Amino acid sequence: MIPAGRALRLTIFVDDTDTWRHRPLYSEIVHRAHAAGLAGASVFRGVEGFGATSMVHTTRLLSMSDHLPVVVTIIDTEERIRAFLPRLDDLLTEGLTILDEVEVVRHRGGRAA
């Protein structure tokens, strides 16, 4: 659980076709965050976007529907996020990784199913 107050958000933008050893890259990032004991990670799939190539990719009919943006977001204490960053060095050869300060208002865990 993350205590209320200051925290750090790690946001990683990758391509939905990026892989790591035949596995989606975003999945590998989430599993490494879990193994590191971070508070949580979420993956969001974009419906349209462009990046360094300046080519727009979209899910709209009759358009290219591959190479869509995927965003992995992880929020935890600054110390834990910064300690986790080196675990991504071998994974992230492309894409964008950002850190920003956030304020956690409330963090409550759910019940396991």
Protein backbone atom coordinates (compact mmCIF):
# COMPACT_ATOMS: atom_id res chain seq x y z
CA MET A 1 0.00 0.00 0.00
CA ILE A 2 1.16 3.52 -0.76
CA PRO A 3 0.76 5.98 2.11
CA ALA A 4 -1.17 9.17 1.38
CA GLY A 5 1.09 12.01 0.35
CA ARG A 6 3.86 12.45 -2.18
CA ALA A 7 4.62 9.63 -4.59
CA LEU A 8 6.19 9.15 -8.00
CA ARG A 9 4.42 8.02 -11.17
CA LEU A 10 6.43 6.10 -13.73
CA THR A 11 4.81 6.21 -17.16
CA ILE A 12 6.18 4.16 -20.04
CA PHE A 13 4.91 4.62 -23.61
CA VAL A 14 5.58 1.69 -25.94
CA ASP A 15 4.16 0.18 -29.11
CA ASP A 16 1.62 -2.63 -28.85
CA THR A 17 3.80 -4.75 -31.15
CA ASP A 18 6.96 -4.39 -29.02
CA THR A 19 8.06 -7.70 -27.52
CA TRP A 20 10.60 -9.07 -25.09
CA ARG A 21 11.54 -12.71 -25.74
CA HIS A 22 8.29 -13.41 -27.65
CA ARG A 23 6.14 -11.78 -24.95
CA PRO A 24 4.45 -8.37 -25.11
CA LEU A 25 6.83 -5.76 -23.71
CA TYR A 26 4.13 -4.19 -21.57
CA SER A 27 3.48 -7.58 -19.95
CA GLU A 28 7.15 -8.02 -19.11
CA ILE A 29 7.22 -4.56 -17.51
CA VAL A 30 4.16 -5.39 -15.37
CA HIS A 31 5.64 -8.72 -14.27
CA ARG A 32 8.94 -7.08 -13.33
CA ALA A 33 7.06 -4.43 -11.32
CA HIS A 34 5.13 -7.19 -9.54
CA ALA A 35 8.32 -9.14 -8.81
CA ALA A 36 9.87 -5.93 -7.42
CA GLY A 37 6.97 -5.62 -4.97
CA LEU A 38 5.69 -2.31 -6.30
CA ALA A 39 2.23 -1.17 -5.26
CA GLY A 40 0.64 -1.78 -8.66
CA ALA A 41 0.84 -1.33 -12.40
CA SER A 42 -1.78 -0.65 -15.07
CA VAL A 43 -1.63 -0.96 -18.84
CA PHE A 44 -3.72 1.25 -21.11
CA ARG A 45 -4.11 0.66 -24.83
CA GLY A 46 -4.41 3.74 -27.02
CA VAL A 47 -6.83 4.01 -29.91
CA GLU A 48 -4.77 6.55 -31.81
CA GLY A 49 -1.38 8.19 -31.55
CA PHE A 50 1.98 9.01 -33.05
CA GLY A 51 5.51 9.12 -31.76
CA ALA A 52 9.07 9.63 -32.97
CA THR A 53 8.23 8.51 -36.53
CA SER A 54 5.44 11.12 -36.78
CA MET A 55 3.19 8.50 -38.40
CA VAL A 56 -0.34 8.48 -36.99
CA HIS A 57 -1.64 5.02 -36.08
CA THR A 58 -5.33 4.48 -35.37
CA THR A 59 -7.96 1.80 -34.79
CA ARG A 60 -10.44 3.46 -37.13
CA LEU A 61 -11.82 1.34 -39.95
CA LEU A 62 -9.69 1.25 -43.11
CA SER A 63 -6.67 2.60 -41.25
CA MET A 64 -3.54 0.95 -39.99
CA SER A 65 -4.43 -0.76 -36.73
CA ASP A 66 -1.00 -2.01 -35.71
CA HIS A 67 1.68 -0.11 -33.82
CA LEU A 68 -0.86 1.44 -31.47
CA PRO A 69 0.33 3.17 -28.31
CA VAL A 70 0.36 1.29 -25.03
CA VAL A 71 0.99 3.06 -21.72
CA VAL A 72 2.21 1.34 -18.56
CA THR A 73 1.66 3.37 -15.38
CA ILE A 74 3.21 2.52 -12.02
CA ILE A 75 2.81 4.61 -8.87
CA ASP A 76 4.75 4.06 -5.66
CA THR A 77 7.08 5.92 -3.34
CA GLU A 78 9.94 7.79 -4.96
CA GLU A 79 12.52 5.46 -3.43
CA ARG A 80 10.84 2.31 -4.72
CA ILE A 81 10.27 3.70 -8.23
CA ARG A 82 13.85 4.93 -8.57
CA ALA A 83 15.16 1.58 -7.32
CA PHE A 84 13.03 -0.16 -9.97
CA LEU A 85 14.27 1.90 -12.95
CA PRO A 86 17.49 -0.12 -13.52
CA ARG A 87 15.35 -3.27 -13.96
CA LEU A 88 14.01 -1.71 -17.18
CA ASP A 89 17.37 -0.86 -18.75
CA ASP A 90 17.57 -4.03 -20.85
CA LEU A 91 13.92 -3.74 -21.97
CA LEU A 92 13.47 -0.18 -23.14
CA THR A 93 15.37 0.49 -26.34
CA GLU A 94 12.56 2.59 -27.87
CA GLY A 95 9.59 4.53 -26.57
CA LEU A 96 9.28 7.20 -23.93
CA THR A 97 9.68 6.91 -20.16
CA ILE A 98 8.69 9.74 -17.83
CA LEU A 99 8.56 10.36 -14.10
CA ASP A 100 6.33 12.88 -12.40
CA GLU A 101 5.41 13.69 -8.84
CA VAL A 102 1.87 12.90 -7.77
CA GLU A 103 -0.10 13.18 -4.58
CA VAL A 104 -1.76 10.02 -3.34
CA VAL A 105 -5.06 10.92 -1.73
CA ARG A 106 -6.14 7.40 -0.86
CA HIS A 107 -4.91 3.91 -1.66
CA ARG A 108 -6.91 0.92 -0.52
CA GLY A 109 -6.38 -2.65 -1.55
CA GLY A 110 -9.20 -4.83 -2.73
CA ARG A 111 -10.05 -8.31 -1.59
CA ALA A 112 -8.44 -11.23 -3.33
CA ALA A 113 -10.90 -13.32 -5.33
